[in-house]
Structure formats: C-alpha cells, structure tokens
Amino acid sequence: HLKACPFQILSMAPRTLPSSLPRAALVASALAASAAVVAAAGKTRAELMRGVSYGPVPFKTQEGMSTLPEDDWFCDEAVPMWGRAGRADLRTIRSMGANMIRLYGNNPSNDHTNFLDEASSEGLSVAAGMSDYPYYQQVPGSCKDATNFNCFSQVKPQYEQNLRNGFLTMRNEYH
C-alpha cells in the first residue's frame, strides 16, 4: 500500500477511484488524493511509523555511483535483493520491526507491482520517491532550466506513468 504521512499513518478507509470516470479524471483524482493520507483497510487507530530508507547501493564512492544505469531498486531487475527467492531484504526489514520502507530512485517506465505486492505481503507500507530526472537531468526541458523550478509539467507525466505501472491496482485503488 502506498502511504503518505510525515510522522504517523492515520486510520481511514482506502481511497477508491470510481471506475466509471474517464482515465484522465481517474488520474486527476489520484493526483489530488496523493496529498492525502492513504491508510490500510482495517486500521482503527493511528500507528507509529517505523521506517527504513532502502537503497542497497553496492558502491561507497560518488564515482562508483555514477556507473549505475539507474537507482530504481523496486523494479523487477532488483528482485534478487528484495524478493523472497533472493536475499529477502523486505522480510529482513520487517523482522527488524519496521512497518514502512522509503525508496529514493524511481524510473516510472518500470513496473513496480511486484515490489508493492511483496512489501504489502510483509506488512510494509511504501513511501516511494520520484526520480530527479525531470528536475535536473532532462535535456532539453528540465524544470530547473525550462520553467524556473515550476515542475508541474515535468512531474505530472512521471506521476501518471507511476500510476499505470503499479501504484494503482486494477480496482483503481492505491497499491
């Protein structure tokens, strides 16, 4: 489940988007809902967030980091690290007492459904980051250079792509 709250997860029913709406309206509704707290079904009280930032980068230097093709650690290519058949990082994180995992890199063209399913099955909420690509790296058209940091036109398509690639379930609920 994708949850957004700075210090605690508040209890409320999951956000459901009507399937009768056109896709653009569904995305607009999901964008508006992303600012709200989305909580797991069945919660009856506030729960203290015990989170872990997850970035299993095998490099210790900036030079090493620059050799990574991307930093999306919740795509299918990273299953050997976080999946049960591999290193089982998510299970280990949960066994340490965490109930939330924070991610940084995010390539919205990658499907994140498997990671979100696995995290949910381990009882972990997910706070997914957005890539800094549209802010600094996108050439031409970075929000830094093209819009003086008014990033809506760069971020909205990236967020919509995330919704299509696992962040929304088939029932148009946050994953």
C-alpha atoms as a PDB file:
ATOM      1  CA  HIS A   1       0.000   0.000   0.000  1.00  0.00           C
ATOM      2  CA  LEU A   2       1.306   3.449  -0.841  1.00  0.00           C
ATOM      3  CA  LYS A   3       1.045   5.744   2.160  1.00  0.00           C
ATOM      4  CA  ALA A   4       1.913   9.378   2.614  1.00  0.00           C
ATOM      5  CA  CYS A   5       2.234  10.945   6.058  1.00  0.00           C
ATOM      6  CA  PRO A   6       5.220  12.652   7.634  1.00  0.00           C
ATOM      7  CA  PHE A   7       5.134  11.059  11.088  1.00  0.00           C
ATOM      8  CA  GLN A   8       2.278   8.641  11.505  1.00  0.00           C
ATOM      9  CA  ILE A   9      -0.226   6.752   9.453  1.00  0.00           C
ATOM     10  CA  LEU A  10      -3.740   7.844  10.298  1.00  0.00           C
ATOM     11  CA  SER A  11      -6.667   5.499  10.077  1.00  0.00           C
ATOM     12  CA  MET A  12      -9.192   5.893   7.255  1.00  0.00           C
ATOM     13  CA  ALA A  13     -10.833   3.826   4.522  1.00  0.00           C
ATOM     14  CA  PRO A  14      -8.719   3.177   1.417  1.00  0.00           C
ATOM     15  CA  ARG A  15      -9.151   5.701  -1.385  1.00  0.00           C
ATOM     16  CA  THR A  16     -11.231   4.158  -4.174  1.00  0.00           C
ATOM     17  CA  LEU A  17     -11.498   5.844  -7.549  1.00  0.00           C
ATOM     18  CA  PRO A  18     -14.759   5.328  -9.461  1.00  0.00           C
ATOM     19  CA  SER A  19     -14.201   3.069 -12.475  1.00  0.00           C
ATOM     20  CA  SER A  20     -16.866   4.940 -14.467  1.00  0.00           C
ATOM     21  CA  LEU A  21     -14.701   8.059 -14.728  1.00  0.00           C
ATOM     22  CA  PRO A  22     -12.601   8.671 -17.846  1.00  0.00           C
ATOM     23  CA  ARG A  23      -8.908   7.805 -17.412  1.00  0.00           C
ATOM     24  CA  ALA A  24      -7.916  11.496 -17.259  1.00  0.00           C
ATOM     25  CA  ALA A  25     -10.376  12.063 -14.406  1.00  0.00           C
ATOM     26  CA  LEU A  26      -9.052   8.964 -12.608  1.00  0.00           C
ATOM     27  CA  VAL A  27      -5.504  10.270 -12.857  1.00  0.00           C
ATOM     28  CA  ALA A  28      -6.592  13.749 -11.730  1.00  0.00           C
ATOM     29  CA  SER A  29      -8.428  12.220  -8.778  1.00  0.00           C
ATOM     30  CA  ALA A  30      -5.401  10.108  -7.882  1.00  0.00           C
ATOM     31  CA  LEU A  31      -3.140  13.150  -8.109  1.00  0.00           C
ATOM     32  CA  ALA A  32      -5.408  15.015  -5.703  1.00  0.00           C
ATOM     33  CA  ALA A  33      -5.563  12.013  -3.385  1.00  0.00           C
ATOM     34  CA  SER A  34      -1.784  11.697  -3.297  1.00  0.00           C
ATOM     35  CA  ALA A  35      -1.600  14.676  -0.976  1.00  0.00           C
ATOM     36  CA  ALA A  36      -3.967  12.957   1.457  1.00  0.00           C
ATOM     37  CA  VAL A  37      -3.104  10.197   3.881  1.00  0.00           C
ATOM     38  CA  VAL A  38      -3.839   6.771   2.450  1.00  0.00           C
ATOM     39  CA  ALA A  39      -4.119   4.075   5.092  1.00  0.00           C
ATOM     40  CA  ALA A  40      -4.574   0.325   5.130  1.00  0.00           C
ATOM     41  CA  ALA A  41      -8.067  -1.112   5.448  1.00  0.00           C
ATOM     42  CA  GLY A  42      -8.972  -2.352   8.904  1.00  0.00           C
ATOM     43  CA  LYS A  43      -6.804   0.068  10.878  1.00  0.00           C
ATOM     44  CA  THR A  44      -8.724   1.521  13.796  1.00  0.00           C
ATOM     45  CA  ARG A  45      -6.080   3.735  15.382  1.00  0.00           C
ATOM     46  CA  ALA A  46      -3.069   5.813  14.486  1.00  0.00           C
ATOM     47  CA  GLU A  47       0.080   3.751  14.136  1.00  0.00           C
ATOM     48  CA  LEU A  48       3.593   4.943  14.773  1.00  0.00           C
ATOM     49  CA  MET A  49       5.623   4.852  11.571  1.00  0.00           C
ATOM     50  CA  ARG A  50       8.823   2.835  11.960  1.00  0.00           C
ATOM     51  CA  GLY A  51      10.530   3.291   8.634  1.00  0.00           C
ATOM     52  CA  VAL A  52      13.728   2.282   6.923  1.00  0.00           C
ATOM     53  CA  SER A  53      15.249   4.069   3.942  1.00  0.00           C
ATOM     54  CA  TYR A  54      16.113   1.449   1.340  1.00  0.00           C
ATOM     55  CA  GLY A  55      18.864   1.996  -1.190  1.00  0.00           C
ATOM     56  CA  PRO A  56      21.003  -1.144  -1.435  1.00  0.00           C
ATOM     57  CA  VAL A  57      23.715   0.576  -3.441  1.00  0.00           C
ATOM     58  CA  PRO A  58      26.851  -1.556  -3.609  1.00  0.00           C
ATOM     59  CA  PHE A  59      29.184   1.434  -4.055  1.00  0.00           C
ATOM     60  CA  LYS A  60      30.988   3.562  -1.492  1.00  0.00           C
ATOM     61  CA  THR A  61      32.078   6.462  -3.702  1.00  0.00           C
ATOM     62  CA  GLN A  62      30.412   9.020  -5.947  1.00  0.00           C
ATOM     63  CA  GLU A  63      32.480   7.659  -8.844  1.00  0.00           C
ATOM     64  CA  GLY A  64      31.066   4.193  -8.282  1.00  0.00           C
ATOM     65  CA  MET A  65      27.544   5.577  -8.034  1.00  0.00           C
ATOM     66  CA  SER A  66      27.948   7.266 -11.420  1.00  0.00           C
ATOM     67  CA  THR A  67      28.320   3.831 -13.058  1.00  0.00           C
ATOM     68  CA  LEU A  68      24.789   2.757 -12.065  1.00  0.00           C
ATOM     69  CA  PRO A  69      22.383   2.874 -15.023  1.00  0.00           C
ATOM     70  CA  GLU A  70      19.626   3.993 -12.593  1.00  0.00           C
ATOM     71  CA  ASP A  71      18.717   3.826  -8.917  1.00  0.00           C
ATOM     72  CA  ASP A  72      15.271   2.217  -9.121  1.00  0.00           C
ATOM     73  CA  TRP A  73      15.623  -0.569  -6.543  1.00  0.00           C
ATOM     74  CA  PHE A  74      11.954  -1.554  -6.574  1.00  0.00           C
ATOM     75  CA  CYS A  75      11.774  -2.711 -10.174  1.00  0.00           C
ATOM     76  CA  ASP A  76      11.789  -6.372 -11.223  1.00  0.00           C
ATOM     77  CA  GLU A  77      15.517  -6.353 -12.010  1.00  0.00           C
ATOM     78  CA  ALA A  78      16.190  -5.906  -8.274  1.00  0.00           C
ATOM     79  CA  VAL A  79      14.085  -8.919  -7.154  1.00  0.00           C
ATOM     80  CA  PRO A  80      17.260 -10.879  -6.218  1.00  0.00           C
ATOM     81  CA  MET A  81      17.836  -8.296  -3.470  1.00  0.00           C
ATOM     82  CA  TRP A  82      14.360  -7.692  -2.055  1.00  0.00           C
ATOM     83  CA  GLY A  83      12.440 -10.828  -3.105  1.00  0.00           C
ATOM     84  CA  ARG A  84      11.897 -13.960  -1.016  1.00  0.00           C
ATOM     85  CA  ALA A  85      13.727 -16.159  -3.549  1.00  0.00           C
ATOM     86  CA  GLY A  86      16.789 -13.924  -3.266  1.00  0.00           C
ATOM     87  CA  ARG A  87      18.272 -12.019  -0.365  1.00  0.00           C
ATOM     88  CA  ALA A  88      14.803 -11.236   1.096  1.00  0.00           C
ATOM     89  CA  ASP A  89      15.651  -7.671   2.151  1.00  0.00           C
ATOM     90  CA  LEU A  90      11.965  -6.792   2.690  1.00  0.00           C
ATOM     91  CA  ARG A  91      11.472  -9.715   5.066  1.00  0.00           C
ATOM     92  CA  THR A  92      14.645  -8.741   6.936  1.00  0.00           C
ATOM     93  CA  ILE A  93      13.494  -5.123   7.219  1.00  0.00           C
ATOM     94  CA  ARG A  94      10.139  -6.244   8.592  1.00  0.00           C
ATOM     95  CA  SER A  95      11.826  -8.621  11.061  1.00  0.00           C
ATOM     96  CA  MET A  96      13.759  -5.631  12.437  1.00  0.00           C
ATOM     97  CA  GLY A  97      10.430  -4.058  13.434  1.00  0.00           C
ATOM     98  CA  ALA A  98       9.883  -1.671  10.539  1.00  0.00           C
ATOM     99  CA  ASN A  99       6.393  -1.120   9.139  1.00  0.00           C
ATOM    100  CA  MET A 100       7.349   1.291   6.342  1.00  0.00           C
ATOM    101  CA  ILE A 101      10.058   1.423   3.694  1.00  0.00           C
ATOM    102  CA  ARG A 102      11.235   4.633   1.998  1.00  0.00           C
ATOM    103  CA  LEU A 103      12.594   4.432  -1.547  1.00  0.00           C
ATOM    104  CA  TYR A 104      14.519   7.038  -3.492  1.00  0.00           C
ATOM    105  CA  GLY A 105      15.121   6.348  -7.176  1.00  0.00           C
ATOM    106  CA  ASN A 106      12.171   5.641  -9.389  1.00  0.00           C
ATOM    107  CA  ASN A 107      12.012   5.047 -13.108  1.00  0.00           C
ATOM    108  CA  PRO A 108       8.308   5.471 -13.871  1.00  0.00           C
ATOM    109  CA  SER A 109       8.631   3.360 -17.030  1.00  0.00           C
ATOM    110  CA  ASN A 110       9.425   0.327 -14.827  1.00  0.00           C
ATOM    111  CA  ASP A 111       6.580  -1.728 -13.403  1.00  0.00           C
ATOM    112  CA  HIS A 112       6.654  -1.699  -9.590  1.00  0.00           C
ATOM    113  CA  THR A 113       3.713  -4.024  -8.957  1.00  0.00           C
ATOM    114  CA  ASN A 114       5.800  -6.992  -7.749  1.00  0.00           C
ATOM    115  CA  PHE A 115       7.696  -4.910  -5.196  1.00  0.00           C
ATOM    116  CA  LEU A 116       4.497  -3.299  -3.910  1.00  0.00           C
ATOM    117  CA  ASP A 117       2.848  -6.750  -3.651  1.00  0.00           C
ATOM    118  CA  GLU A 118       5.847  -8.165  -1.784  1.00  0.00           C
ATOM    119  CA  ALA A 119       6.033  -5.182   0.592  1.00  0.00           C
ATOM    120  CA  SER A 120       2.311  -5.490   1.311  1.00  0.00           C
ATOM    121  CA  SER A 121       2.624  -9.217   1.996  1.00  0.00           C
ATOM    122  CA  GLU A 122       5.394  -8.425   4.508  1.00  0.00           C
ATOM    123  CA  GLY A 123       3.242  -5.779   6.228  1.00  0.00           C
ATOM    124  CA  LEU A 124       5.324  -2.868   4.959  1.00  0.00           C
ATOM    125  CA  SER A 125       3.909   0.432   3.765  1.00  0.00           C
ATOM    126  CA  VAL A 126       5.850   2.073   0.935  1.00  0.00           C
ATOM    127  CA  ALA A 127       6.881   5.714   0.601  1.00  0.00           C
ATOM    128  CA  ALA A 128       8.129   5.843  -2.975  1.00  0.00           C
ATOM    129  CA  GLY A 129      10.364   8.637  -4.169  1.00  0.00           C
ATOM    130  CA  MET A 130      10.334  10.359  -7.512  1.00  0.00           C
ATOM    131  CA  SER A 131      13.396  10.470  -9.740  1.00  0.00           C
ATOM    132  CA  ASP A 132      15.256  13.760 -10.013  1.00  0.00           C
ATOM    133  CA  TYR A 133      15.461  13.257 -13.796  1.00  0.00           C
ATOM    134  CA  PRO A 134      12.817  15.889 -14.708  1.00  0.00           C
ATOM    135  CA  TYR A 135      14.335  18.403 -12.302  1.00  0.00           C
ATOM    136  CA  TYR A 136      17.966  18.453 -13.375  1.00  0.00           C
ATOM    137  CA  GLN A 137      18.843  15.792 -15.932  1.00  0.00           C
ATOM    138  CA  GLN A 138      16.107  16.048 -18.592  1.00  0.00           C
ATOM    139  CA  VAL A 139      17.636  17.794 -21.597  1.00  0.00           C
ATOM    140  CA  PRO A 140      16.030  19.763 -23.031  1.00  0.00           C
ATOM    141  CA  GLY A 141      13.195  20.735 -20.709  1.00  0.00           C
ATOM    142  CA  SER A 142      14.391  20.239 -17.133  1.00  0.00           C
ATOM    143  CA  CYS A 143      12.215  22.105 -14.697  1.00  0.00           C
ATOM    144  CA  LYS A 144      15.316  23.881 -13.397  1.00  0.00           C
ATOM    145  CA  ASP A 145      16.141  25.393 -16.779  1.00  0.00           C
ATOM    146  CA  ALA A 146      12.869  25.409 -18.721  1.00  0.00           C
ATOM    147  CA  THR A 147      10.388  26.540 -16.063  1.00  0.00           C
ATOM    148  CA  ASN A 148      12.420  28.190 -13.281  1.00  0.00           C
ATOM    149  CA  PHE A 149      11.540  25.280 -10.944  1.00  0.00           C
ATOM    150  CA  ASN A 150       7.793  25.258 -11.706  1.00  0.00           C
ATOM    151  CA  CYS A 151       7.922  21.482 -12.106  1.00  0.00           C
ATOM    152  CA  PHE A 152       4.274  20.553 -12.658  1.00  0.00           C
ATOM    153  CA  SER A 153       4.630  19.968 -16.417  1.00  0.00           C
ATOM    154  CA  GLN A 154       7.594  17.637 -15.837  1.00  0.00           C
ATOM    155  CA  VAL A 155       6.346  15.811 -12.735  1.00  0.00           C
ATOM    156  CA  LYS A 156       2.704  15.177 -13.723  1.00  0.00           C
ATOM    157  CA  PRO A 157       3.512  12.813 -16.647  1.00  0.00           C
ATOM    158  CA  GLN A 158       6.030  10.979 -14.463  1.00  0.00           C
ATOM    159  CA  TYR A 159       3.442  10.511 -11.704  1.00  0.00           C
ATOM    160  CA  GLU A 160       0.785   9.377 -14.211  1.00  0.00           C
ATOM    161  CA  GLN A 161       3.219   6.757 -15.517  1.00  0.00           C
ATOM    162  CA  ASN A 162       3.809   5.538 -11.949  1.00  0.00           C
ATOM    163  CA  LEU A 163       0.047   5.146 -11.502  1.00  0.00           C
ATOM    164  CA  ARG A 164      -0.081   2.980 -14.631  1.00  0.00           C
ATOM    165  CA  ASN A 165       2.950   0.912 -13.572  1.00  0.00           C
ATOM    166  CA  GLY A 166       1.855  -0.474 -10.245  1.00  0.00           C
ATOM    167  CA  PHE A 167       0.929   2.413  -7.979  1.00  0.00           C
ATOM    168  CA  LEU A 168      -2.790   1.884  -8.747  1.00  0.00           C
ATOM    169  CA  THR A 169      -4.392  -1.537  -8.533  1.00  0.00           C
ATOM    170  CA  MET A 170      -6.806  -2.878 -11.141  1.00  0.00           C
ATOM    171  CA  ARG A 171      -9.602  -1.550  -8.879  1.00  0.00           C
ATOM    172  CA  ASN A 172      -8.132   1.972  -9.135  1.00  0.00           C
ATOM    173  CA  GLU A 173      -7.012   1.994  -5.513  1.00  0.00           C
ATOM    174  CA  TYR A 174      -3.557   2.945  -4.349  1.00  0.00           C
ATOM    175  CA  HIS A 175      -1.470  -0.189  -4.215  1.00  0.00           C
END
